[in-house]
Amino acid sequence: MDEQLKDNVLVASIVLAAVCLVLAISSGISASKNKTNVQREMTLRLETEEKLNSVSSRLSSLESDLKKAQGEFDQTKSALSQEQLTTQALKTELEKTTRLKEQLEKDLKEALFSKTHPAK
């Protein structure tokens, strides 16, 4: 009976060792897959972060360009407004000058007429 018990213990030990070996191999394979997945995810995250940094940099550059363009637009708008005011003032001055010219021409005609046709 001792011999049979030893054989049973030996068989149980072999089966247990085989199960442990299978578990160890499957754990190693699973760990390898997980490591590969983690590496892929890290690579993807790094690439995404680099793209985000690039886009953020480009966005900052565009915002700066927009502010610069807005400032130039405001200056141009101000200059245009000033030009319009100057144009309006010149139009008013031209109208005054035209009225004065017409009045002077009228006065000149009257003076010439009164000189050529003296009052009786």
Protein backbone atom coordinates (compact mmCIF):
# COMPACT_ATOMS: atom_id res chain seq x y z
CA MET A 1 0.00 0.00 0.00
CA ASP A 2 2.87 2.29 0.65
CA GLU A 3 3.96 1.84 -2.91
CA GLN A 4 0.52 2.69 -4.24
CA LEU A 5 0.34 5.80 -2.08
CA LYS A 6 3.73 6.90 -3.36
CA ASP A 7 2.54 6.32 -6.93
CA ASN A 8 -0.63 8.32 -6.30
CA VAL A 9 1.35 11.15 -4.73
CA LEU A 10 3.77 11.05 -7.66
CA VAL A 11 0.94 11.17 -10.22
CA ALA A 12 -0.78 13.98 -8.31
CA SER A 13 2.52 15.88 -8.13
CA ILE A 14 3.07 15.42 -11.89
CA VAL A 15 -0.48 16.59 -12.67
CA LEU A 16 -0.08 19.54 -10.30
CA ALA A 17 3.28 20.41 -11.88
CA ALA A 18 1.73 20.17 -15.38
CA VAL A 19 -1.16 22.44 -14.33
CA CYS A 20 1.29 24.91 -12.80
CA LEU A 21 3.40 24.78 -15.99
CA VAL A 22 0.31 25.45 -18.16
CA LEU A 23 -0.74 28.31 -15.86
CA ALA A 24 2.76 29.78 -15.94
CA ILE A 25 2.93 29.59 -19.74
CA SER A 26 -0.57 31.10 -20.18
CA SER A 27 0.29 33.87 -17.68
CA GLY A 28 3.49 34.63 -19.60
CA ILE A 29 1.60 34.78 -22.89
CA SER A 30 -1.06 36.99 -21.33
CA ALA A 31 1.60 39.27 -19.81
CA SER A 32 3.35 39.50 -23.18
CA LYS A 33 0.08 40.49 -24.90
CA ASN A 34 -0.65 43.06 -22.19
CA LYS A 35 2.87 44.49 -22.53
CA THR A 36 2.43 44.77 -26.31
CA ASN A 37 -0.95 46.48 -25.83
CA VAL A 38 0.50 48.91 -23.30
CA GLN A 39 3.39 49.73 -25.66
CA ARG A 40 0.94 50.37 -28.52
CA GLU A 41 -1.19 52.57 -26.30
CA MET A 42 1.86 54.53 -25.11
CA THR A 43 3.03 54.99 -28.70
CA LEU A 44 -0.44 56.15 -29.72
CA ARG A 45 -0.61 58.54 -26.77
CA LEU A 46 2.81 60.00 -27.56
CA GLU A 47 1.86 60.50 -31.22
CA THR A 48 -1.44 62.08 -30.21
CA GLU A 49 0.30 64.35 -27.70
CA GLU A 50 2.81 65.43 -30.36
CA LYS A 51 -0.05 66.22 -32.74
CA LEU A 52 -1.83 68.13 -29.99
CA ASN A 53 1.30 70.16 -29.26
CA SER A 54 1.72 70.88 -32.96
CA VAL A 55 -1.91 71.94 -33.31
CA SER A 56 -1.70 74.03 -30.13
CA SER A 57 1.40 75.76 -31.45
CA ARG A 58 -0.31 76.42 -34.79
CA LEU A 59 -3.40 77.69 -32.98
CA SER A 60 -1.30 80.09 -30.92
CA SER A 61 0.38 81.31 -34.10
CA LEU A 62 -2.97 81.82 -35.82
CA GLU A 63 -4.37 83.66 -32.79
CA SER A 64 -1.33 85.94 -32.85
CA ASP A 65 -1.80 86.55 -36.57
CA LEU A 66 -5.49 87.25 -35.99
CA LYS A 67 -4.72 89.82 -33.28
CA LYS A 68 -2.17 91.46 -35.56
CA ALA A 69 -4.65 91.54 -38.46
CA GLN A 70 -7.35 92.90 -36.15
CA GLY A 71 -5.00 95.69 -35.05
CA GLU A 72 -4.15 96.52 -38.66
CA PHE A 73 -7.86 96.47 -39.52
CA ASP A 74 -8.63 98.86 -36.66
CA GLN A 75 -5.85 101.19 -37.82
CA THR A 76 -7.12 101.09 -41.39
CA LYS A 77 -10.66 101.69 -40.21
CA SER A 78 -9.50 104.67 -38.15
CA ALA A 79 -7.52 106.05 -41.09
CA LEU A 80 -10.53 105.63 -43.37
CA SER A 81 -12.75 107.42 -40.89
CA GLN A 82 -10.22 110.25 -40.70
CA GLU A 83 -10.07 110.42 -44.51
CA GLN A 84 -13.86 110.59 -44.68
CA LEU A 85 -13.88 113.46 -42.21
CA THR A 86 -11.18 115.24 -44.21
CA THR A 87 -13.09 114.65 -47.45
CA GLN A 88 -16.28 116.03 -45.92
CA ALA A 89 -14.43 119.10 -44.66
CA LEU A 90 -12.91 119.64 -48.12
CA LYS A 91 -16.34 119.30 -49.75
CA THR A 92 -17.75 121.89 -47.38
CA GLU A 93 -14.83 124.21 -48.09
CA LEU A 94 -15.28 123.69 -51.85
CA GLU A 95 -18.97 124.53 -51.58
CA LYS A 96 -18.14 127.75 -49.68
CA THR A 97 -15.48 128.66 -52.24
CA THR A 98 -17.89 127.95 -55.10
CA ARG A 99 -20.57 130.19 -53.52
CA LEU A 100 -18.04 132.96 -52.97
CA LYS A 101 -16.83 132.64 -56.58
CA GLU A 102 -20.39 132.84 -57.86
CA GLN A 103 -21.06 135.88 -55.66
CA LEU A 104 -17.85 137.54 -56.90
CA GLU A 105 -18.79 136.83 -60.52
CA LYS A 106 -22.22 138.32 -59.89
CA ASP A 107 -20.71 141.38 -58.22
CA LEU A 108 -18.19 141.73 -61.08
CA LYS A 109 -20.98 141.56 -63.68
CA GLU A 110 -22.98 144.15 -61.78
CA ALA A 111 -19.93 146.40 -61.48
CA LEU A 112 -19.14 146.08 -65.18
CA PHE A 113 -22.77 146.65 -66.09
CA SER A 114 -23.02 149.71 -63.89
CA LYS A 115 -19.79 151.08 -65.39
CA THR A 116 -20.98 150.61 -68.96
CA HIS A 117 -24.50 151.79 -68.18
CA PRO A 118 -24.24 154.63 -65.71
CA ALA A 119 -27.32 155.51 -63.76
CA LYS A 120 -29.31 158.46 -65.13
